[in-house]
C-alpha atoms as a PDB file:
ATOM      1  CA  LEU A   1      53.535  48.550  42.337  1.00  0.00           C
ATOM      2  CA  VAL A   2      50.671  46.091  43.303  1.00  0.00           C
ATOM      3  CA  GLN A   3      49.300  46.167  39.732  1.00  0.00           C
ATOM      4  CA  ALA A   4      52.693  44.746  38.556  1.00  0.00           C
ATOM      5  CA  LEU A   5      52.278  41.653  40.857  1.00  0.00           C
ATOM      6  CA  PRO A   6      51.545  38.430  39.203  1.00  0.00           C
ATOM      7  CA  GLY A   7      48.249  37.029  40.434  1.00  0.00           C
ATOM      8  CA  MET A   8      45.647  38.929  42.560  1.00  0.00           C
ATOM      9  CA  ALA A   9      46.137  41.009  45.413  1.00  0.00           C
ATOM     10  CA  TYR A  10      43.106  42.074  47.384  1.00  0.00           C
ATOM     11  CA  MET A  11      41.798  43.364  50.702  1.00  0.00           C
ATOM     12  CA  CYS A  12      38.282  42.911  51.888  1.00  0.00           C
ATOM     13  CA  GLN A  13      36.000  43.699  54.772  1.00  0.00           C
ATOM     14  CA  TYR A  14      35.586  41.274  57.642  1.00  0.00           C
ATOM     15  CA  ASP A  15      31.845  40.739  56.776  1.00  0.00           C
ATOM     16  CA  ARG A  16      29.426  37.937  55.611  1.00  0.00           C
ATOM     17  CA  ARG A  17      29.940  38.772  52.161  1.00  0.00           C
ATOM     18  CA  MET A  18      33.875  39.313  52.189  1.00  0.00           C
ATOM     19  CA  THR A  19      33.046  42.603  50.799  1.00  0.00           C
ATOM     20  CA  PRO A  20      35.979  43.669  48.662  1.00  0.00           C
ATOM     21  CA  LEU A  21      37.790  47.168  49.121  1.00  0.00           C
ATOM     22  CA  TYR A  22      40.426  46.484  46.680  1.00  0.00           C
ATOM     23  CA  LEU A  23      41.413  43.952  43.925  1.00  0.00           C
ATOM     24  CA  SER A  24      44.231  44.211  41.602  1.00  0.00           C
ATOM     25  CA  ASP A  25      43.839  43.814  38.028  1.00  0.00           C
ATOM     26  CA  GLY A  26      45.210  40.039  38.081  1.00  0.00           C
ATOM     27  CA  ALA A  27      41.696  39.054  39.180  1.00  0.00           C
ATOM     28  CA  LEU A  28      40.526  38.734  35.627  1.00  0.00           C
ATOM     29  CA  GLN A  29      43.294  36.300  34.855  1.00  0.00           C
ATOM     30  CA  LEU A  30      43.020  34.370  38.041  1.00  0.00           C
ATOM     31  CA  THR A  31      39.269  34.357  38.462  1.00  0.00           C
ATOM     32  CA  GLY A  32      37.808  34.877  35.041  1.00  0.00           C
ATOM     33  CA  TRP A  33      36.029  38.200  36.618  1.00  0.00           C
ATOM     34  CA  ALA A  34      37.252  41.657  36.352  1.00  0.00           C
ATOM     35  CA  ALA A  35      38.014  43.466  39.399  1.00  0.00           C
ATOM     36  CA  SER A  36      35.380  45.930  38.916  1.00  0.00           C
ATOM     37  CA  ASP A  37      32.858  42.808  38.995  1.00  0.00           C
ATOM     38  CA  PHE A  38      33.731  42.130  42.573  1.00  0.00           C
ATOM     39  CA  ILE A  39      33.806  45.838  43.526  1.00  0.00           C
ATOM     40  CA  THR A  40      30.164  46.451  42.078  1.00  0.00           C
ATOM     41  CA  GLY A  41      28.877  43.268  44.035  1.00  0.00           C
ATOM     42  CA  ASN A  42      28.306  41.202  40.669  1.00  0.00           C
ATOM     43  CA  VAL A  43      30.673  38.526  42.252  1.00  0.00           C
ATOM     44  CA  GLN A  44      31.413  37.848  45.743  1.00  0.00           C
ATOM     45  CA  MET A  45      34.710  36.530  47.226  1.00  0.00           C
ATOM     46  CA  ARG A  46      32.932  33.640  48.796  1.00  0.00           C
ATOM     47  CA  ASP A  47      31.897  32.672  45.278  1.00  0.00           C
ATOM     48  CA  LEU A  48      35.600  31.586  44.575  1.00  0.00           C
ATOM     49  CA  MET A  49      35.446  28.967  47.428  1.00  0.00           C
ATOM     50  CA  HIS A  50      34.058  25.490  47.624  1.00  0.00           C
ATOM     51  CA  PRO A  51      31.043  25.620  49.917  1.00  0.00           C
ATOM     52  CA  ALA A  52      32.732  22.847  52.041  1.00  0.00           C
ATOM     53  CA  ASP A  53      35.832  25.437  52.640  1.00  0.00           C
ATOM     54  CA  LEU A  54      33.765  28.271  53.913  1.00  0.00           C
ATOM     55  CA  ALA A  55      33.765  27.593  57.659  1.00  0.00           C
ATOM     56  CA  LEU A  56      37.399  26.782  57.636  1.00  0.00           C
ATOM     57  CA  VAL A  57      37.943  30.179  55.870  1.00  0.00           C
ATOM     58  CA  ARG A  58      35.678  31.916  58.344  1.00  0.00           C
ATOM     59  CA  ASP A  59      37.192  30.474  61.377  1.00  0.00           C
ATOM     60  CA  THR A  60      40.896  30.815  60.344  1.00  0.00           C
ATOM     61  CA  THR A  61      40.256  34.623  59.380  1.00  0.00           C
ATOM     62  CA  ARG A  62      38.449  35.288  62.688  1.00  0.00           C
ATOM     63  CA  ALA A  63      41.662  33.623  64.547  1.00  0.00           C
ATOM     64  CA  ALA A  64      44.014  35.630  62.802  1.00  0.00           C
ATOM     65  CA  LEU A  65      42.192  38.797  63.269  1.00  0.00           C
ATOM     66  CA  GLN A  66      41.766  38.394  67.055  1.00  0.00           C
ATOM     67  CA  ALA A  67      45.501  37.481  67.164  1.00  0.00           C
ATOM     68  CA  GLN A  68      46.266  40.519  64.985  1.00  0.00           C
ATOM     69  CA  GLN A  69      47.803  38.549  62.705  1.00  0.00           C
ATOM     70  CA  PRO A  70      48.203  38.783  58.854  1.00  0.00           C
END
């Protein structure tokens, strides 16, 4: 079902690298890299973000996790 969704679905660990646990095949069309590139560590999720946005993403993610919100 997830593979049929347009775009990319992903799940990652809450660590410095945002280590991916799962990426749908839509990763290739959206990012230019195959899901396997992320899983093997050739590309990191944070590589997709502008450096100026990293702190906001980190802080927003931390707050959502602490509040147990998606």
